[in-house]
Amino acid sequence: MKQTLFYLICLLVVAMLIAGCTGTQAQKTVQPTSQTAVSQSASQATVPTGTATISTPSVVTVGAPPTAAAPATVTPIPSKTPKPTATQKYAPSIKSANYAKTIDNPYFPLTPGTTYLFNGTKDKSQLINEVVVTKKTRKIMGVTCVEVDSTVTVDDNLAEKTIGWYSQDKQGNVWFFGEDAKQYSTSGKVTGTAGTFLAGSNGALPGIVMQANPTTDLSYRQDYYKGHAEDMAQVLSLTESVNVTYGSYDNVLMTKEWSPLDAKVVENKWYAKGVGLVMSKTVQGGNEEMQLTSVTK
């Protein structure tokens, strides 16, 4: 009886040992499988930023995704010189001591005794413009100005005569101090005086017809007599190439010119260094163009 009881106890101990070993082996087998599954799951997730932390084999905590960047803000770059408007206050400081005796701006030289001849068309009619830089001068607002005469004919009929007065400051800017303009009918009668003004009279002020150092997009007033003469100009280019009857030129200055008094009309002009105006063309509100054909001194 005792021997039988001993055998039973031995069998029980062996059974318990076998059961313990089996459980341990099963635990070792399951644990790697669980870790592999978690690793594969984490690798499939797209995580821009943050840290994956495994707290238990079945839980993965992912850091918050980054905040989307705010759209870029583009600040417009203002032009070098704001475009003047008809309502903008205009009050140039004119001091006679700041003006030179000669006008030698390379884009707008006015040497007394020089005659420029331009030929072109206006509404399909032949246009001729003769510009003479006279030896006459006139003091306007205390400034000595050179007198320039211009005569325009259309199909051999006098169309317009003007006398203009110009001076150059010591910085090199060429100023326009006034103009006596008369327009004529084909019968020779005066039909108007559009554009006439005299700086210092009736609130009229001089303007700049050519800057000392022109730069692209630079805008400026050429004259100012409210309601009568409010011409504006803007530099469009400094690198144009132009071929006219008088010659071929590179690095030509090109401008856009207009007036708030007649905004429908826009004209382009081309100026060559050492010569001055070589060509002009109405590009909006008209059909007129001309080019330089001769210069005599």
Protein backbone atom coordinates (compact mmCIF):
# COMPACT_ATOMS: atom_id res chain seq x y z
CA MET A 1 0.00 0.00 0.00
CA LYS A 2 2.76 2.38 0.88
CA GLN A 3 4.58 1.43 -2.27
CA THR A 4 1.51 2.21 -4.38
CA LEU A 5 1.06 5.57 -2.67
CA PHE A 6 4.71 6.42 -3.39
CA TYR A 7 4.26 5.63 -7.09
CA LEU A 8 1.20 7.87 -7.27
CA ILE A 9 3.04 10.77 -5.66
CA CYS A 10 5.93 10.37 -8.10
CA LEU A 11 3.55 10.34 -11.04
CA LEU A 12 1.87 13.50 -9.75
CA VAL A 13 5.20 15.31 -9.38
CA VAL A 14 6.26 14.31 -12.91
CA ALA A 15 2.94 15.49 -14.29
CA MET A 16 3.32 18.85 -12.57
CA LEU A 17 6.87 19.25 -13.89
CA ILE A 18 5.73 18.46 -17.41
CA ALA A 19 2.85 20.91 -17.16
CA GLY A 20 5.20 23.63 -15.90
CA CYS A 21 7.65 23.16 -18.75
CA THR A 22 4.88 23.23 -21.33
CA GLY A 23 3.50 26.51 -19.96
CA THR A 24 6.89 28.17 -20.01
CA GLN A 25 7.53 27.07 -23.60
CA ALA A 26 4.14 28.36 -24.67
CA GLN A 27 4.83 31.75 -23.05
CA LYS A 28 8.19 32.01 -24.86
CA THR A 29 6.54 31.23 -28.18
CA VAL A 30 3.68 33.73 -27.89
CA GLN A 31 5.75 36.74 -26.74
CA PRO A 32 7.92 37.14 -29.90
CA THR A 33 4.87 36.77 -32.11
CA SER A 34 3.09 39.64 -30.33
CA GLN A 35 6.15 41.95 -30.61
CA THR A 36 6.48 41.21 -34.33
CA ALA A 37 2.86 42.17 -34.99
CA VAL A 38 3.25 45.48 -33.13
CA SER A 39 6.46 46.30 -35.03
CA GLN A 40 4.82 45.69 -38.42
CA SER A 41 1.82 47.85 -37.50
CA ALA A 42 4.02 50.79 -36.47
CA SER A 43 6.07 50.62 -39.66
CA GLN A 44 2.92 50.93 -41.83
CA ALA A 45 1.73 54.13 -40.11
CA THR A 46 2.89 57.50 -41.50
CA VAL A 47 4.14 59.64 -38.65
CA PRO A 48 5.56 62.99 -39.71
CA THR A 49 6.93 63.77 -36.27
CA GLY A 50 6.69 62.45 -32.70
CA THR A 51 7.90 59.31 -30.92
CA ALA A 52 6.28 55.84 -30.90
CA THR A 53 6.34 54.35 -27.37
CA ILE A 54 5.32 50.74 -26.69
CA SER A 55 3.83 50.64 -23.20
CA THR A 56 2.31 47.17 -23.68
CA PRO A 57 2.61 44.78 -26.61
CA SER A 58 -0.73 45.91 -28.02
CA VAL A 59 -0.67 49.73 -27.46
CA VAL A 60 1.23 52.29 -29.61
CA THR A 61 1.15 56.02 -28.70
CA VAL A 62 2.05 58.39 -31.57
CA GLY A 63 3.07 62.01 -31.08
CA ALA A 64 0.71 64.71 -32.52
CA PRO A 65 1.24 65.57 -36.23
CA PRO A 66 2.90 68.92 -36.95
CA THR A 67 0.77 72.04 -37.32
CA ALA A 68 0.31 73.04 -40.97
CA ALA A 69 2.49 76.02 -41.97
CA ALA A 70 0.67 79.30 -42.54
CA PRO A 71 0.46 80.45 -46.20
CA ALA A 72 3.32 82.74 -47.21
CA THR A 73 2.42 86.43 -47.19
CA VAL A 74 3.73 88.37 -50.16
CA THR A 75 4.22 92.08 -49.59
CA PRO A 76 4.05 94.11 -52.80
CA ILE A 77 7.24 96.04 -53.52
CA PRO A 78 6.38 99.69 -54.20
CA SER A 79 7.74 101.31 -57.34
CA LYS A 80 10.79 103.51 -56.95
CA THR A 81 8.75 106.60 -57.63
CA PRO A 82 4.97 106.71 -56.97
CA LYS A 83 2.98 107.72 -60.02
CA PRO A 84 1.73 111.28 -59.49
CA THR A 85 -1.96 111.90 -59.95
CA ALA A 86 -3.93 114.97 -60.84
CA THR A 87 -5.02 115.36 -57.20
CA GLN A 88 -1.56 114.98 -55.68
CA LYS A 89 -0.14 118.22 -54.29
CA TYR A 90 2.60 119.56 -56.52
CA ALA A 91 4.93 122.24 -55.20
CA PRO A 92 8.46 122.16 -56.66
CA SER A 93 11.07 124.39 -55.03
CA ILE A 94 12.50 126.72 -57.66
CA LYS A 95 15.68 128.62 -56.79
CA SER A 96 17.35 130.55 -59.60
CA ALA A 97 20.83 129.92 -58.15
CA ASN A 98 20.34 126.19 -58.73
CA TYR A 99 20.08 126.52 -62.51
CA ALA A 100 22.89 126.28 -65.04
CA LYS A 101 23.45 128.36 -68.19
CA THR A 102 23.49 125.40 -70.58
CA ILE A 103 21.26 122.41 -71.25
CA ASP A 104 23.47 119.39 -71.86
CA ASN A 105 21.46 116.47 -70.47
CA PRO A 106 22.53 113.63 -72.83
CA TYR A 107 18.91 112.63 -73.51
CA PHE A 108 17.69 116.22 -74.01
CA PRO A 109 20.52 118.52 -75.17
CA LEU A 110 19.43 121.98 -76.33
CA THR A 111 22.35 123.77 -78.00
CA PRO A 112 21.42 127.23 -79.34
CA GLY A 113 21.58 127.34 -83.13
CA THR A 114 20.55 123.68 -83.59
CA THR A 115 17.62 122.71 -85.86
CA TYR A 116 15.89 119.32 -85.66
CA LEU A 117 13.67 118.16 -88.52
CA PHE A 118 11.06 115.44 -88.01
CA ASN A 119 8.93 113.76 -90.67
CA GLY A 120 5.92 111.52 -90.19
CA THR A 121 2.19 111.09 -90.63
CA LYS A 122 -1.00 112.20 -88.91
CA ASP A 123 -4.21 110.42 -89.87
CA LYS A 124 -2.51 109.38 -93.16
CA SER A 125 -1.51 112.96 -93.92
CA GLN A 126 2.12 114.09 -94.22
CA LEU A 127 3.45 115.73 -91.05
CA ILE A 128 6.60 117.84 -90.72
CA ASN A 129 7.87 119.30 -87.45
CA GLU A 130 10.78 121.74 -87.43
CA VAL A 131 12.29 122.46 -84.01
CA VAL A 132 14.76 125.33 -83.64
CA VAL A 133 16.82 125.94 -80.49
CA THR A 134 17.17 129.70 -80.65
CA LYS A 135 19.76 131.96 -79.04
CA LYS A 136 16.99 133.85 -77.30
CA THR A 137 16.39 133.56 -73.56
CA ARG A 138 13.66 134.56 -71.15
CA LYS A 139 13.64 134.86 -67.37
CA ILE A 140 10.78 132.98 -65.77
CA MET A 141 10.49 132.75 -61.97
CA GLY A 142 13.99 134.26 -61.85
CA VAL A 143 15.43 131.42 -63.98
CA THR A 144 17.06 132.08 -67.37
CA CYS A 145 15.40 129.81 -69.92
CA VAL A 146 16.36 128.88 -73.48
CA GLU A 147 13.69 129.59 -76.10
CA VAL A 148 12.76 126.77 -78.51
CA ASP A 149 10.50 127.32 -81.54
CA SER A 150 8.45 124.53 -83.09
CA THR A 151 6.47 124.64 -86.34
CA VAL A 152 4.18 121.80 -87.39
CA THR A 153 2.68 121.46 -90.86
CA VAL A 154 0.22 118.82 -92.07
CA ASP A 155 0.03 118.36 -95.84
CA ASP A 156 1.97 121.65 -96.18
CA ASN A 157 -0.64 123.55 -94.13
CA LEU A 158 0.42 125.25 -90.90
CA ALA A 159 -1.12 123.25 -88.05
CA GLU A 160 0.65 124.52 -84.91
CA LYS A 161 3.32 126.93 -83.75
CA THR A 162 4.79 126.87 -80.27
CA ILE A 163 7.46 128.76 -78.34
CA GLY A 164 8.76 126.82 -75.37
CA TRP A 165 11.13 127.77 -72.53
CA TYR A 166 13.54 125.32 -70.93
CA SER A 167 16.28 125.36 -68.30
CA GLN A 168 18.49 122.76 -66.62
CA ASP A 169 19.22 122.60 -62.92
CA LYS A 170 22.71 121.87 -61.61
CA GLN A 171 21.70 118.28 -60.88
CA GLY A 172 21.04 117.71 -64.59
CA ASN A 173 17.22 117.75 -64.72
CA VAL A 174 15.72 119.63 -67.69
CA TRP A 175 12.75 121.79 -66.68
CA PHE A 176 9.88 123.07 -68.81
CA PHE A 177 8.89 126.60 -67.69
CA GLY A 178 6.24 127.50 -70.20
CA GLU A 179 4.86 127.40 -73.69
CA ASP A 180 3.00 129.75 -76.01
CA ALA A 181 1.02 127.45 -78.29
CA LYS A 182 -1.32 128.22 -81.18
CA GLN A 183 -3.26 125.77 -83.33
CA TYR A 184 -4.35 126.71 -86.86
CA SER A 185 -7.08 125.76 -89.32
CA THR A 186 -6.22 124.85 -92.91
CA SER A 187 -7.15 128.44 -93.84
CA GLY A 188 -4.47 129.81 -91.51
CA LYS A 189 -6.72 131.06 -88.70
CA VAL A 190 -5.90 130.46 -85.03
CA THR A 191 -8.34 127.89 -83.66
CA GLY A 192 -6.93 127.35 -80.18
CA THR A 193 -4.14 127.79 -77.66
CA ALA A 194 -4.22 124.39 -75.99
CA GLY A 195 -1.17 123.69 -73.85
CA THR A 196 -0.28 127.34 -73.24
CA PHE A 197 1.06 128.12 -69.77
CA LEU A 198 3.68 130.25 -68.06
CA ALA A 199 5.23 129.09 -64.79
CA GLY A 200 4.66 131.57 -61.97
CA SER A 201 1.45 132.94 -63.52
CA ASN A 202 -2.09 131.97 -62.50
CA GLY A 203 -0.85 129.13 -60.32
CA ALA A 204 1.12 127.47 -63.14
CA LEU A 205 4.31 125.62 -62.21
CA PRO A 206 7.26 124.22 -64.18
CA GLY A 207 7.79 120.50 -64.64
CA ILE A 208 10.60 118.17 -65.65
CA VAL A 209 10.80 116.98 -69.27
CA MET A 210 13.91 114.87 -68.69
CA GLN A 211 15.35 113.50 -65.47
CA ALA A 212 19.06 113.73 -64.71
CA ASN A 213 19.22 110.00 -63.96
CA PRO A 214 16.23 108.26 -65.52
CA THR A 215 15.28 104.86 -64.10
CA THR A 216 12.66 102.39 -65.26
CA ASP A 217 9.11 103.06 -63.98
CA LEU A 218 10.08 106.57 -62.87
CA SER A 219 7.10 108.94 -63.32
CA TYR A 220 7.12 112.72 -63.27
CA ARG A 221 5.19 115.88 -64.13
CA GLN A 222 6.25 117.75 -67.24
CA ASP A 223 4.19 120.86 -66.50
CA TYR A 224 1.32 122.00 -64.32
CA TYR A 225 -1.37 124.56 -65.01
CA LYS A 226 -4.57 123.15 -63.57
CA GLY A 227 -7.12 122.41 -66.24
CA HIS A 228 -4.82 123.57 -69.05
CA ALA A 229 -1.47 121.78 -68.94
CA GLU A 230 -1.00 118.67 -66.81
CA ASP A 231 1.32 116.50 -68.89
CA MET A 232 2.87 113.40 -67.31
CA ALA A 233 5.65 111.01 -68.34
CA GLN A 234 6.93 107.61 -67.24
CA VAL A 235 10.18 105.87 -68.17
CA LEU A 236 9.44 102.45 -69.69
CA SER A 237 12.89 101.33 -70.84
CA LEU A 238 16.53 102.35 -71.10
CA THR A 239 17.61 99.62 -73.50
CA GLU A 240 15.60 100.14 -76.68
CA SER A 241 17.10 99.90 -80.17
CA VAL A 242 15.75 102.34 -82.77
CA ASN A 243 16.32 102.85 -86.48
CA VAL A 244 15.24 106.19 -87.93
CA THR A 245 16.15 108.16 -91.02
CA TYR A 246 18.81 110.12 -89.17
CA GLY A 247 20.54 107.03 -87.72
CA SER A 248 20.45 103.82 -85.67
CA TYR A 249 20.72 103.87 -81.89
CA ASP A 250 21.00 101.41 -79.00
CA ASN A 251 20.32 101.88 -75.29
CA VAL A 252 17.56 104.33 -76.17
CA LEU A 253 15.31 105.74 -73.43
CA MET A 254 11.60 105.09 -74.03
CA THR A 255 8.81 106.98 -72.28
CA LYS A 256 5.06 106.89 -72.00
CA GLU A 257 3.44 110.34 -72.00
CA TRP A 258 -0.14 111.34 -71.26
CA SER A 259 -2.34 113.92 -69.57
CA PRO A 260 -5.15 113.44 -67.02
CA LEU A 261 -7.01 116.08 -69.02
CA ASP A 262 -7.27 113.64 -71.95
CA ALA A 263 -6.49 110.20 -70.56
CA LYS A 264 -7.58 108.49 -73.79
CA VAL A 265 -4.46 109.72 -75.58
CA VAL A 266 -1.13 107.99 -74.85
CA GLU A 267 2.14 108.66 -76.66
CA ASN A 268 5.49 106.87 -76.65
CA LYS A 269 8.75 108.76 -77.22
CA TRP A 270 12.31 107.54 -77.77
CA TYR A 271 15.40 109.54 -76.76
CA ALA A 272 18.96 108.71 -77.82
CA LYS A 273 22.02 109.83 -75.85
CA GLY A 274 23.82 112.77 -77.42
CA VAL A 275 20.92 113.49 -79.78
CA GLY A 276 17.65 113.83 -77.88
CA LEU A 277 14.23 112.95 -79.26
CA VAL A 278 14.52 110.62 -82.27
CA MET A 279 10.98 109.21 -82.58
CA SER A 280 7.44 109.54 -81.24
CA LYS A 281 4.22 107.63 -81.81
CA THR A 282 0.66 107.93 -80.52
CA VAL A 283 -0.25 104.44 -79.32
CA GLN A 284 -3.72 105.19 -77.97
CA GLY A 285 -6.39 107.70 -78.90
CA GLY A 286 -4.81 108.91 -82.15
CA ASN A 287 -2.85 108.09 -85.27
CA GLU A 288 0.32 110.15 -85.36
CA GLU A 289 4.00 109.28 -85.60
CA MET A 290 7.22 110.98 -86.60
CA GLN A 291 10.96 110.36 -86.66
CA LEU A 292 14.11 112.46 -86.77
CA THR A 293 15.40 112.98 -90.30
CA SER A 294 18.09 115.65 -89.88
CA VAL A 295 20.01 117.76 -87.38
CA THR A 296 21.82 120.94 -88.41
CA LYS A 297 23.96 123.26 -86.30
